[in-house]
Amino acid sequence: MRLLLLSDSGEFSFTRNFVGNDKTPPYAILSYTWGADTNEVTFENLTKGTSKDKPSYKKIRFYREQAKKDGLQYF
């Protein structure tokens, strides 16, 4: 399992892949409604930095802010 990590700059990045007996940090689980495939941000978009132009990127920003309000770095 990978999580998104909120940085001090307000941007986010992926954590390492937590597997097996790895200790997973506290994180937010947020509900998500999927839209059209062409509008949704994919893992590839996030890793290549091509996600900010997609309409659904605003959902990720919202989740980042909610996690921050809840005192969590990971979501």
PDB file of N, CA and C in Angstrom:
ATOM      1  N   MET A   1       0.843  -1.165   0.000  1.00  0.00           N
ATOM      2  CA  MET A   1       0.000   0.000   0.000  1.00  0.00           C
ATOM      3  C   MET A   1       0.895   1.236   0.000  1.00  0.00           C
ATOM      4  N   ARG A   2       0.549   2.165  -0.842  1.00  0.00           N
ATOM      5  CA  ARG A   2       1.242   3.452  -0.873  1.00  0.00           C
ATOM      6  C   ARG A   2       0.289   4.529  -0.410  1.00  0.00           C
ATOM      7  N   LEU A   3       0.845   5.520   0.242  1.00  0.00           N
ATOM      8  CA  LEU A   3       0.059   6.653   0.710  1.00  0.00           C
ATOM      9  C   LEU A   3       0.600   7.923   0.083  1.00  0.00           C
ATOM     10  N   LEU A   4      -0.219   8.953   0.080  1.00  0.00           N
ATOM     11  CA  LEU A   4       0.258  10.264  -0.320  1.00  0.00           C
ATOM     12  C   LEU A   4       0.732  10.975   0.932  1.00  0.00           C
ATOM     13  N   LEU A   5       1.876  11.612   0.842  1.00  0.00           N
ATOM     14  CA  LEU A   5       2.489  12.326   1.957  1.00  0.00           C
ATOM     15  C   LEU A   5       2.391  13.818   1.705  1.00  0.00           C
ATOM     16  N   LEU A   6       1.812  14.535   2.647  1.00  0.00           N
ATOM     17  CA  LEU A   6       1.707  15.980   2.565  1.00  0.00           C
ATOM     18  C   LEU A   6       3.014  16.604   3.020  1.00  0.00           C
ATOM     19  N   SER A   7       3.604  17.459   2.193  1.00  0.00           N
ATOM     20  CA  SER A   7       4.867  18.108   2.556  1.00  0.00           C
ATOM     21  C   SER A   7       4.596  19.477   3.171  1.00  0.00           C
ATOM     22  N   ASP A   8       5.620  20.058   3.761  1.00  0.00           N
ATOM     23  CA  ASP A   8       5.489  21.395   4.352  1.00  0.00           C
ATOM     24  C   ASP A   8       5.154  22.448   3.305  1.00  0.00           C
ATOM     25  N   SER A   9       5.544  22.204   2.061  1.00  0.00           N
ATOM     26  CA  SER A   9       5.285  23.168   0.991  1.00  0.00           C
ATOM     27  C   SER A   9       3.848  23.089   0.475  1.00  0.00           C
ATOM     28  N   GLY A  10       3.098  22.077   0.946  1.00  0.00           N
ATOM     29  CA  GLY A  10       1.724  21.919   0.480  1.00  0.00           C
ATOM     30  C   GLY A  10       1.596  20.956  -0.674  1.00  0.00           C
ATOM     31  N   GLU A  11       2.698  20.511  -1.217  1.00  0.00           N
ATOM     32  CA  GLU A  11       2.679  19.521  -2.285  1.00  0.00           C
ATOM     33  C   GLU A  11       2.637  18.126  -1.656  1.00  0.00           C
ATOM     34  N   PHE A  12       2.496  17.116  -2.481  1.00  0.00           N
ATOM     35  CA  PHE A  12       2.495  15.768  -1.936  1.00  0.00           C
ATOM     36  C   PHE A  12       3.313  14.841  -2.803  1.00  0.00           C
ATOM     37  N   SER A  13       3.697  13.728  -2.201  1.00  0.00           N
ATOM     38  CA  SER A  13       4.451  12.696  -2.909  1.00  0.00           C
ATOM     39  C   SER A  13       4.012  11.347  -2.372  1.00  0.00           C
ATOM     40  N   PHE A  14       4.406  10.295  -3.049  1.00  0.00           N
ATOM     41  CA  PHE A  14       4.079   8.949  -2.601  1.00  0.00           C
ATOM     42  C   PHE A  14       5.067   8.474  -1.555  1.00  0.00           C
ATOM     43  N   THR A  15       4.558   7.719  -0.596  1.00  0.00           N
ATOM     44  CA  THR A  15       5.427   7.047   0.362  1.00  0.00           C
ATOM     45  C   THR A  15       5.972   5.791  -0.292  1.00  0.00           C
ATOM     46  N   ARG A  16       6.867   5.137   0.404  1.00  0.00           N
ATOM     47  CA  ARG A  16       7.319   3.828  -0.070  1.00  0.00           C
ATOM     48  C   ARG A  16       6.139   2.875   0.026  1.00  0.00           C
ATOM     49  N   ASN A  17       6.248   1.724  -0.538  1.00  0.00           N
ATOM     50  CA  ASN A  17       5.191   0.729  -0.511  1.00  0.00           C
ATOM     51  C   ASN A  17       5.230  -0.018   0.823  1.00  0.00           C
ATOM     52  N   PHE A  18       4.179   0.103   1.621  1.00  0.00           N
ATOM     53  CA  PHE A  18       4.096  -0.613   2.890  1.00  0.00           C
ATOM     54  C   PHE A  18       3.595  -2.028   2.616  1.00  0.00           C
ATOM     55  N   VAL A  19       4.350  -3.028   3.039  1.00  0.00           N
ATOM     56  CA  VAL A  19       3.962  -4.420   2.822  1.00  0.00           C
ATOM     57  C   VAL A  19       4.196  -5.235   4.087  1.00  0.00           C
ATOM     58  N   GLY A  20       3.500  -6.353   4.173  1.00  0.00           N
ATOM     59  CA  GLY A  20       3.728  -7.300   5.261  1.00  0.00           C
ATOM     60  C   GLY A  20       3.609  -6.691   6.638  1.00  0.00           C
ATOM     61  N   ASN A  21       4.669  -6.815   7.428  1.00  0.00           N
ATOM     62  CA  ASN A  21       4.676  -6.348   8.809  1.00  0.00           C
ATOM     63  C   ASN A  21       5.163  -4.909   8.966  1.00  0.00           C
ATOM     64  N   ASP A  22       5.302  -4.180   7.860  1.00  0.00           N
ATOM     65  CA  ASP A  22       5.708  -2.772   7.949  1.00  0.00           C
ATOM     66  C   ASP A  22       4.722  -1.999   8.814  1.00  0.00           C
ATOM     67  N   LYS A  23       5.241  -1.096   9.621  1.00  0.00           N
ATOM     68  CA  LYS A  23       4.371  -0.245  10.435  1.00  0.00           C
ATOM     69  C   LYS A  23       3.847   0.893   9.565  1.00  0.00           C
ATOM     70  N   THR A  24       2.544   0.928   9.382  1.00  0.00           N
ATOM     71  CA  THR A  24       1.905   1.957   8.574  1.00  0.00           C
ATOM     72  C   THR A  24       1.555   3.141   9.478  1.00  0.00           C
ATOM     73  N   PRO A  25       1.921   4.367   9.079  1.00  0.00           N
ATOM     74  CA  PRO A  25       1.604   5.541   9.909  1.00  0.00           C
ATOM     75  C   PRO A  25       0.100   5.837   9.873  1.00  0.00           C
ATOM     76  N   PRO A  26      -0.399   6.621  10.827  1.00  0.00           N
ATOM     77  CA  PRO A  26      -1.812   7.026  10.775  1.00  0.00           C
ATOM     78  C   PRO A  26      -2.080   7.773   9.465  1.00  0.00           C
ATOM     79  N   TYR A  27      -3.224   7.488   8.845  1.00  0.00           N
ATOM     80  CA  TYR A  27      -3.551   8.138   7.579  1.00  0.00           C
ATOM     81  C   TYR A  27      -5.049   8.299   7.436  1.00  0.00           C
ATOM     82  N   ALA A  28      -5.451   9.221   6.592  1.00  0.00           N
ATOM     83  CA  ALA A  28      -6.863   9.483   6.325  1.00  0.00           C
ATOM     84  C   ALA A  28      -7.339   8.595   5.189  1.00  0.00           C
ATOM     85  N   ILE A  29      -8.516   8.035   5.357  1.00  0.00           N
ATOM     86  CA  ILE A  29      -9.197   7.319   4.280  1.00  0.00           C
ATOM     87  C   ILE A  29     -10.350   8.209   3.866  1.00  0.00           C
ATOM     88  N   LEU A  30     -10.339   8.653   2.641  1.00  0.00           N
ATOM     89  CA  LEU A  30     -11.348   9.588   2.180  1.00  0.00           C
ATOM     90  C   LEU A  30     -12.123   8.995   1.017  1.00  0.00           C
ATOM     91  N   SER A  31     -13.416   9.182   1.031  1.00  0.00           N
ATOM     92  CA  SER A  31     -14.287   8.629  -0.005  1.00  0.00           C
ATOM     93  C   SER A  31     -14.023   9.329  -1.335  1.00  0.00           C
ATOM     94  N   TYR A  32     -14.182   8.590  -2.398  1.00  0.00           N
ATOM     95  CA  TYR A  32     -13.866   9.114  -3.719  1.00  0.00           C
ATOM     96  C   TYR A  32     -14.906   8.647  -4.724  1.00  0.00           C
ATOM     97  N   THR A  33     -15.398   9.543  -5.541  1.00  0.00           N
ATOM     98  CA  THR A  33     -16.319   9.192  -6.621  1.00  0.00           C
ATOM     99  C   THR A  33     -15.561   9.315  -7.937  1.00  0.00           C
ATOM    100  N   TRP A  34     -15.580   8.248  -8.706  1.00  0.00           N
ATOM    101  CA  TRP A  34     -14.852   8.233  -9.973  1.00  0.00           C
ATOM    102  C   TRP A  34     -15.662   8.876 -11.079  1.00  0.00           C
ATOM    103  N   GLY A  35     -14.988   9.628 -11.925  1.00  0.00           N
ATOM    104  CA  GLY A  35     -15.608  10.247 -13.084  1.00  0.00           C
ATOM    105  C   GLY A  35     -15.145   9.548 -14.354  1.00  0.00           C
ATOM    106  N   ALA A  36     -15.245  10.231 -15.456  1.00  0.00           N
ATOM    107  CA  ALA A  36     -14.805   9.685 -16.741  1.00  0.00           C
ATOM    108  C   ALA A  36     -13.307   9.406 -16.699  1.00  0.00           C
ATOM    109  N   ASP A  37     -12.879   8.318 -17.324  1.00  0.00           N
ATOM    110  CA  ASP A  37     -11.469   7.924 -17.310  1.00  0.00           C
ATOM    111  C   ASP A  37     -10.538   9.038 -17.764  1.00  0.00           C
ATOM    112  N   THR A  38     -10.959   9.825 -18.720  1.00  0.00           N
ATOM    113  CA  THR A  38     -10.095  10.889 -19.245  1.00  0.00           C
ATOM    114  C   THR A  38      -9.929  12.045 -18.255  1.00  0.00           C
ATOM    115  N   ASN A  39     -10.822  12.147 -17.284  1.00  0.00           N
ATOM    116  CA  ASN A  39     -10.769  13.233 -16.303  1.00  0.00           C
ATOM    117  C   ASN A  39     -10.066  12.847 -15.013  1.00  0.00           C
ATOM    118  N   GLU A  40      -9.920  11.553 -14.771  1.00  0.00           N
ATOM    119  CA  GLU A  40      -9.375  11.081 -13.502  1.00  0.00           C
ATOM    120  C   GLU A  40      -7.850  11.072 -13.493  1.00  0.00           C
ATOM    121  N   VAL A  41      -7.287  11.361 -12.333  1.00  0.00           N
ATOM    122  CA  VAL A  41      -5.843  11.326 -12.136  1.00  0.00           C
ATOM    123  C   VAL A  41      -5.431   9.877 -11.895  1.00  0.00           C
ATOM    124  N   THR A  42      -4.421   9.431 -12.612  1.00  0.00           N
ATOM    125  CA  THR A  42      -3.928   8.068 -12.447  1.00  0.00           C
ATOM    126  C   THR A  42      -2.610   8.081 -11.665  1.00  0.00           C
ATOM    127  N   PHE A  43      -2.205   6.907 -11.221  1.00  0.00           N
ATOM    128  CA  PHE A  43      -0.911   6.758 -10.555  1.00  0.00           C
ATOM    129  C   PHE A  43       0.190   7.269 -11.474  1.00  0.00           C
ATOM    130  N   GLU A  44       0.109   6.913 -12.736  1.00  0.00           N
ATOM    131  CA  GLU A  44       1.110   7.356 -13.712  1.00  0.00           C
ATOM    132  C   GLU A  44       1.135   8.879 -13.820  1.00  0.00           C
ATOM    133  N   ASN A  45      -0.040   9.513 -13.861  1.00  0.00           N
ATOM    134  CA  ASN A  45      -0.095  10.982 -13.905  1.00  0.00           C
ATOM    135  C   ASN A  45       0.615  11.596 -12.711  1.00  0.00           C
ATOM    136  N   LEU A  46       0.362  11.037 -11.524  1.00  0.00           N
ATOM    137  CA  LEU A  46       0.982  11.570 -10.315  1.00  0.00           C
ATOM    138  C   LEU A  46       2.489  11.389 -10.319  1.00  0.00           C
ATOM    139  N   THR A  47       2.953  10.219 -10.737  1.00  0.00           N
ATOM    140  CA  THR A  47       4.398   9.970 -10.712  1.00  0.00           C
ATOM    141  C   THR A  47       5.135  10.762 -11.783  1.00  0.00           C
ATOM    142  N   LYS A  48       4.456  11.083 -12.881  1.00  0.00           N
ATOM    143  CA  LYS A  48       5.094  11.849 -13.954  1.00  0.00           C
ATOM    144  C   LYS A  48       4.861  13.356 -13.826  1.00  0.00           C
ATOM    145  N   GLY A  49       4.046  13.750 -12.839  1.00  0.00           N
ATOM    146  CA  GLY A  49       3.777  15.173 -12.658  1.00  0.00           C
ATOM    147  C   GLY A  49       2.843  15.756 -13.698  1.00  0.00           C
ATOM    148  N   THR A  50       2.000  14.916 -14.287  1.00  0.00           N
ATOM    149  CA  THR A  50       1.088  15.387 -15.330  1.00  0.00           C
ATOM    150  C   THR A  50      -0.363  15.413 -14.860  1.00  0.00           C
ATOM    151  N   SER A  51      -0.571  15.454 -13.555  1.00  0.00           N
ATOM    152  CA  SER A  51      -1.930  15.336 -13.024  1.00  0.00           C
ATOM    153  C   SER A  51      -2.633  16.676 -12.799  1.00  0.00           C
ATOM    154  N   LYS A  52      -1.901  17.741 -12.666  1.00  0.00           N
ATOM    155  CA  LYS A  52      -2.502  19.014 -12.270  1.00  0.00           C
ATOM    156  C   LYS A  52      -3.461  19.582 -13.308  1.00  0.00           C
ATOM    157  N   ASP A  53      -3.369  19.144 -14.558  1.00  0.00           N
ATOM    158  CA  ASP A  53      -4.249  19.639 -15.605  1.00  0.00           C
ATOM    159  C   ASP A  53      -5.574  18.880 -15.681  1.00  0.00           C
ATOM    160  N   LYS A  54      -5.674  17.770 -14.957  1.00  0.00           N
ATOM    161  CA  LYS A  54      -6.891  16.962 -15.015  1.00  0.00           C
ATOM    162  C   LYS A  54      -7.950  17.539 -14.076  1.00  0.00           C
ATOM    163  N   PRO A  55      -9.219  17.511 -14.498  1.00  0.00           N
ATOM    164  CA  PRO A  55     -10.294  18.065 -13.659  1.00  0.00           C
ATOM    165  C   PRO A  55     -10.369  17.450 -12.262  1.00  0.00           C
ATOM    166  N   SER A  56     -10.075  16.179 -12.121  1.00  0.00           N
ATOM    167  CA  SER A  56     -10.214  15.529 -10.813  1.00  0.00           C
ATOM    168  C   SER A  56      -9.068  15.851  -9.852  1.00  0.00           C
ATOM    169  N   TYR A  57      -8.060  16.582 -10.300  1.00  0.00           N
ATOM    170  CA  TYR A  57      -6.956  16.947  -9.408  1.00  0.00           C
ATOM    171  C   TYR A  57      -7.457  17.788  -8.232  1.00  0.00           C
ATOM    172  N   LYS A  58      -8.543  18.529  -8.438  1.00  0.00           N
ATOM    173  CA  LYS A  58      -9.092  19.347  -7.348  1.00  0.00           C
ATOM    174  C   LYS A  58      -9.568  18.459  -6.196  1.00  0.00           C
ATOM    175  N   LYS A  59     -10.001  17.229  -6.479  1.00  0.00           N
ATOM    176  CA  LYS A  59     -10.394  16.305  -5.414  1.00  0.00           C
ATOM    177  C   LYS A  59      -9.188  15.966  -4.541  1.00  0.00           C
ATOM    178  N   ILE A  60      -8.054  15.749  -5.168  1.00  0.00           N
ATOM    179  CA  ILE A  60      -6.844  15.395  -4.429  1.00  0.00           C
ATOM    180  C   ILE A  60      -6.406  16.566  -3.557  1.00  0.00           C
ATOM    181  N   ARG A  61      -6.485  17.763  -4.091  1.00  0.00           N
ATOM    182  CA  ARG A  61      -6.163  18.951  -3.281  1.00  0.00           C
ATOM    183  C   ARG A  61      -7.103  19.067  -2.084  1.00  0.00           C
ATOM    184  N   PHE A  62      -8.394  18.799  -2.301  1.00  0.00           N
ATOM    185  CA  PHE A  62      -9.354  18.839  -1.204  1.00  0.00           C
ATOM    186  C   PHE A  62      -8.990  17.809  -0.137  1.00  0.00           C
ATOM    187  N   TYR A  63      -8.648  16.596  -0.548  1.00  0.00           N
ATOM    188  CA  TYR A  63      -8.288  15.547   0.406  1.00  0.00           C
ATOM    189  C   TYR A  63      -7.025  15.912   1.177  1.00  0.00           C
ATOM    190  N   ARG A  64      -6.088  16.535   0.498  1.00  0.00           N
ATOM    191  CA  ARG A  64      -4.866  16.988   1.155  1.00  0.00           C
ATOM    192  C   ARG A  64      -5.211  17.982   2.262  1.00  0.00           C
ATOM    193  N   GLU A  65      -6.073  18.929   1.966  1.00  0.00           N
ATOM    194  CA  GLU A  65      -6.449  19.935   2.949  1.00  0.00           C
ATOM    195  C   GLU A  65      -7.232  19.311   4.110  1.00  0.00           C
ATOM    196  N   GLN A  66      -8.083  18.350   3.821  1.00  0.00           N
ATOM    197  CA  GLN A  66      -8.836  17.699   4.890  1.00  0.00           C
ATOM    198  C   GLN A  66      -7.902  16.910   5.803  1.00  0.00           C
ATOM    199  N   ALA A  67      -6.960  16.194   5.227  1.00  0.00           N
ATOM    200  CA  ALA A  67      -5.985  15.446   6.038  1.00  0.00           C
ATOM    201  C   ALA A  67      -5.197  16.418   6.911  1.00  0.00           C
ATOM    202  N   LYS A  68      -4.802  17.545   6.351  1.00  0.00           N
ATOM    203  CA  LYS A  68      -4.041  18.555   7.099  1.00  0.00           C
ATOM    204  C   LYS A  68      -4.880  19.084   8.271  1.00  0.00           C
ATOM    205  N   LYS A  69      -6.159  19.381   8.037  1.00  0.00           N
ATOM    206  CA  LYS A  69      -7.059  19.856   9.093  1.00  0.00           C
ATOM    207  C   LYS A  69      -7.198  18.809  10.200  1.00  0.00           C
ATOM    208  N   ASP A  70      -7.157  17.542   9.823  1.00  0.00           N
ATOM    209  CA  ASP A  70      -7.298  16.453  10.790  1.00  0.00           C
ATOM    210  C   ASP A  70      -5.977  16.105  11.470  1.00  0.00           C
ATOM    211  N   GLY A  71      -4.923  16.865  11.163  1.00  0.00           N
ATOM    212  CA  GLY A  71      -3.629  16.648  11.797  1.00  0.00           C
ATOM    213  C   GLY A  71      -2.868  15.450  11.260  1.00  0.00           C
ATOM    214  N   LEU A  72      -3.177  15.048  10.037  1.00  0.00           N
ATOM    215  CA  LEU A  72      -2.518  13.897   9.424  1.00  0.00           C
ATOM    216  C   LEU A  72      -1.622  14.327   8.276  1.00  0.00           C
ATOM    217  N   GLN A  73      -0.498  13.657   8.125  1.00  0.00           N
ATOM    218  CA  GLN A  73       0.402  13.923   7.002  1.00  0.00           C
ATOM    219  C   GLN A  73       0.082  13.022   5.813  1.00  0.00           C
ATOM    220  N   TYR A  74      -0.538  11.908   6.078  1.00  0.00           N
ATOM    221  CA  TYR A  74      -0.726  10.895   5.045  1.00  0.00           C
ATOM    222  C   TYR A  74      -2.200  10.736   4.698  1.00  0.00           C
ATOM    223  N   PHE A  75      -2.448  10.531   3.424  1.00  0.00           N
ATOM    224  CA  PHE A  75      -3.812  10.264   2.976  1.00  0.00           C
ATOM    225  C   PHE A  75      -3.777   9.406   1.739  1.00  0.00           C
TER     226      PHE A  75
END
